[in-house]
Amino acid sequence: MVEVIEKKNQVEVEREALLAFLAQQRAFLLTTLQGLAEEQATRRTTASELTLAGIVKHLTSVENGWRTFVKEGPQEVDYESRETQEFHENSFRLIGEETLEGTLAAYERGAEETDTYFRSLPHLEVSQKLPPAPWFPEDASWTARDVLIHLIRETAQHCGHADVIRESLDGQKTMG
């Protein structure tokens, strides 16, 4: 009985540590948008197409997609199709009626859903086969743990982009 409790506690400690690191990266990202008007948050400041609002929108899509992957398994995607490329490009920019306020709200909702879902799992060994893609090894699988680590990595990478964009925008350094 003690062994089962210790194992459960280890799972909870690991899960909470990973979620805490992810929350920290999310907070860093949101710091880069503090005090900005929508026009500033959607302005390109470097040679890249990236904007601060676009990064938030993209990371919302990333979290939602990977949460769905853990729940339901891989979705079939034609990575060569123009439709897929257009979807990916549009995940980095506000289009139509999208606003900074709505994008930030969607990001916070998605973060809450991710945290709630991963806390509901009995363990982080839940595994799904990765979809066929040029960047994944053939027949590879990822656990829920792998997905959380990937979300931390991707969010941290985009925090760096956001820091450069913000510094180029108004000189503010948010990460150091």
Protein backbone atom coordinates (compact mmCIF):
# COMPACT_ATOMS: atom_id res chain seq x y z
CA MET A 1 0.00 0.00 0.00
CA VAL A 2 2.80 2.44 0.89
CA GLU A 3 4.52 1.61 -2.42
CA VAL A 4 1.36 2.49 -4.39
CA ILE A 5 0.99 5.80 -2.54
CA GLU A 6 4.66 6.65 -3.13
CA LYS A 7 4.32 5.89 -6.86
CA LYS A 8 1.15 8.01 -7.05
CA ASN A 9 2.92 10.86 -5.27
CA GLN A 10 5.88 10.61 -7.67
CA VAL A 11 3.50 10.83 -10.65
CA GLU A 12 1.77 13.86 -9.15
CA VAL A 13 5.07 15.57 -8.31
CA GLU A 14 6.38 15.03 -11.84
CA ARG A 15 3.14 16.17 -13.47
CA GLU A 16 2.94 19.30 -11.30
CA ALA A 17 6.59 20.12 -11.98
CA LEU A 18 6.06 19.89 -15.74
CA LEU A 19 2.86 21.94 -15.57
CA ALA A 20 4.64 24.54 -13.41
CA PHE A 21 7.43 24.90 -15.97
CA LEU A 22 4.83 25.28 -18.73
CA ALA A 23 2.93 27.88 -16.68
CA GLN A 24 6.16 29.80 -16.13
CA GLN A 25 6.84 29.92 -19.87
CA ARG A 26 3.26 31.03 -20.56
CA ALA A 27 3.67 33.84 -18.03
CA PHE A 28 6.94 34.93 -19.67
CA LEU A 29 5.15 35.08 -23.02
CA LEU A 30 2.26 37.12 -21.65
CA THR A 31 4.76 39.53 -20.05
CA THR A 32 5.93 40.52 -23.52
CA LEU A 33 2.44 41.83 -24.31
CA GLN A 34 1.95 43.91 -21.17
CA GLY A 35 1.04 47.51 -21.86
CA LEU A 36 0.72 47.09 -25.63
CA ALA A 37 -2.12 48.21 -27.85
CA GLU A 38 -3.44 45.80 -30.46
CA GLU A 39 -1.63 47.68 -33.24
CA GLN A 40 1.67 47.15 -31.45
CA ALA A 41 0.98 43.49 -30.67
CA THR A 42 0.23 42.79 -34.34
CA ARG A 43 3.18 44.75 -35.77
CA ARG A 44 6.14 42.99 -37.37
CA THR A 45 9.37 44.39 -35.97
CA THR A 46 11.92 42.07 -37.58
CA ALA A 47 12.46 40.38 -40.94
CA SER A 48 10.32 37.53 -39.62
CA GLU A 49 6.56 37.40 -40.18
CA LEU A 50 6.11 36.85 -36.44
CA THR A 51 4.14 39.22 -34.24
CA LEU A 52 3.46 39.01 -30.52
CA ALA A 53 -0.27 38.39 -31.01
CA GLY A 54 0.49 35.83 -33.72
CA ILE A 55 2.79 33.89 -31.41
CA VAL A 56 0.07 33.73 -28.76
CA LYS A 57 -2.46 32.56 -31.35
CA HIS A 58 -0.03 29.93 -32.64
CA LEU A 59 0.73 28.57 -29.18
CA THR A 60 -2.99 28.31 -28.48
CA SER A 61 -3.34 26.16 -31.58
CA VAL A 62 -0.29 24.10 -30.57
CA GLU A 63 -1.62 23.37 -27.08
CA ASN A 64 -5.08 22.53 -28.39
CA GLY A 65 -3.63 20.24 -31.05
CA TRP A 66 -1.32 18.33 -28.73
CA ARG A 67 -4.04 17.98 -26.08
CA THR A 68 -6.30 16.49 -28.74
CA PHE A 69 -3.46 14.19 -29.83
CA VAL A 70 -3.09 12.75 -26.32
CA LYS A 71 -6.89 12.34 -26.02
CA GLU A 72 -7.73 11.02 -29.47
CA GLY A 73 -4.54 10.04 -31.25
CA PRO A 74 -3.03 11.44 -34.42
CA GLN A 75 -5.08 13.26 -37.03
CA GLU A 76 -4.37 12.66 -40.70
CA VAL A 77 -2.61 15.69 -42.19
CA ASP A 78 -1.35 16.20 -45.73
CA TYR A 79 1.75 18.30 -45.03
CA GLU A 80 2.26 19.01 -48.73
CA SER A 81 -1.19 20.55 -49.31
CA ARG A 82 -1.63 24.30 -49.73
CA GLU A 83 -4.57 24.14 -47.31
CA THR A 84 -2.33 22.78 -44.55
CA GLN A 85 0.37 25.36 -45.28
CA GLU A 86 -2.20 28.17 -45.25
CA PHE A 87 -3.64 26.92 -41.94
CA HIS A 88 -0.14 26.91 -40.43
CA GLU A 89 0.65 30.40 -41.74
CA ASN A 90 -2.68 31.74 -40.46
CA SER A 91 -1.98 30.25 -37.03
CA PHE A 92 0.63 33.02 -36.65
CA ARG A 93 -1.55 36.04 -37.49
CA LEU A 94 -4.83 37.55 -36.48
CA ILE A 95 -7.28 37.36 -39.37
CA GLY A 96 -10.82 38.51 -39.95
CA GLU A 97 -12.56 39.52 -36.74
CA GLU A 98 -9.85 38.14 -34.43
CA THR A 99 -8.63 40.57 -31.78
CA LEU A 100 -5.77 40.67 -29.33
CA GLU A 101 -8.25 40.49 -26.45
CA GLY A 102 -9.95 37.42 -27.91
CA THR A 103 -6.60 35.79 -28.70
CA LEU A 104 -5.37 36.29 -25.13
CA ALA A 105 -8.64 34.92 -23.74
CA ALA A 106 -8.41 31.86 -26.01
CA TYR A 107 -4.81 31.30 -24.87
CA GLU A 108 -5.81 31.40 -21.21
CA ARG A 109 -8.78 29.05 -21.82
CA GLY A 110 -6.56 26.64 -23.72
CA ALA A 111 -3.96 26.70 -20.95
CA GLU A 112 -6.62 25.92 -18.35
CA GLU A 113 -7.96 23.08 -20.49
CA THR A 114 -4.45 21.67 -20.97
CA ASP A 115 -3.69 21.81 -17.25
CA THR A 116 -7.05 20.27 -16.31
CA TYR A 117 -6.73 17.50 -18.88
CA PHE A 118 -3.19 16.50 -17.95
CA ARG A 119 -4.11 16.52 -14.25
CA SER A 120 -7.00 14.16 -15.03
CA LEU A 121 -4.71 11.49 -16.49
CA PRO A 122 -3.92 8.60 -14.15
CA HIS A 123 -0.26 8.83 -15.22
CA LEU A 124 1.93 10.36 -17.93
CA GLU A 125 2.59 7.07 -19.73
CA VAL A 126 -0.54 7.45 -21.88
CA SER A 127 0.88 7.05 -25.36
CA GLN A 128 -0.17 7.73 -28.94
CA LYS A 129 1.57 6.90 -32.18
CA LEU A 130 2.86 10.07 -33.85
CA PRO A 131 1.30 10.94 -37.20
CA PRO A 132 3.35 10.38 -40.33
CA ALA A 133 5.35 13.59 -40.82
CA PRO A 134 8.76 14.39 -42.29
CA TRP A 135 10.10 15.46 -38.88
CA PHE A 136 8.94 12.43 -36.84
CA PRO A 137 10.66 9.04 -36.92
CA GLU A 138 8.54 6.38 -38.58
CA ASP A 139 6.31 4.44 -36.16
CA ALA A 140 7.36 6.56 -33.17
CA SER A 141 5.04 7.26 -30.24
CA TRP A 142 4.86 10.01 -27.67
CA THR A 143 3.61 9.76 -24.13
CA ALA A 144 1.68 12.50 -22.35
CA ARG A 145 5.02 13.31 -20.67
CA ASP A 146 6.66 13.78 -24.08
CA VAL A 147 3.85 16.11 -25.11
CA LEU A 148 4.21 18.23 -21.97
CA ILE A 149 7.97 18.48 -22.51
CA HIS A 150 7.35 19.46 -26.13
CA LEU A 151 4.85 22.15 -25.07
CA ILE A 152 7.43 23.56 -22.64
CA ARG A 153 10.09 23.52 -25.35
CA GLU A 154 7.90 25.13 -28.00
CA THR A 155 6.57 27.79 -25.63
CA ALA A 156 10.10 28.62 -24.43
CA GLN A 157 11.32 28.89 -28.03
CA HIS A 158 8.53 31.31 -28.88
CA CYS A 159 9.19 33.28 -25.66
CA GLY A 160 12.63 34.01 -27.09
CA HIS A 161 11.07 35.16 -30.35
CA ALA A 162 8.61 37.32 -28.42
CA ASP A 163 11.39 38.91 -26.38
CA VAL A 164 13.24 39.94 -29.54
CA ILE A 165 10.05 41.28 -31.11
CA ARG A 166 9.19 43.31 -28.01
CA GLU A 167 12.70 44.70 -27.72
CA SER A 168 12.59 45.67 -31.40
CA LEU A 169 9.18 47.26 -30.86
CA ASP A 170 9.94 49.59 -27.96
CA GLY A 171 13.25 48.60 -26.38
CA GLN A 172 11.65 46.73 -23.48
CA LYS A 173 13.52 43.59 -22.45
CA THR A 174 11.14 41.14 -20.83
CA MET A 175 13.41 38.13 -20.40
CA GLY A 176 16.54 39.73 -19.03
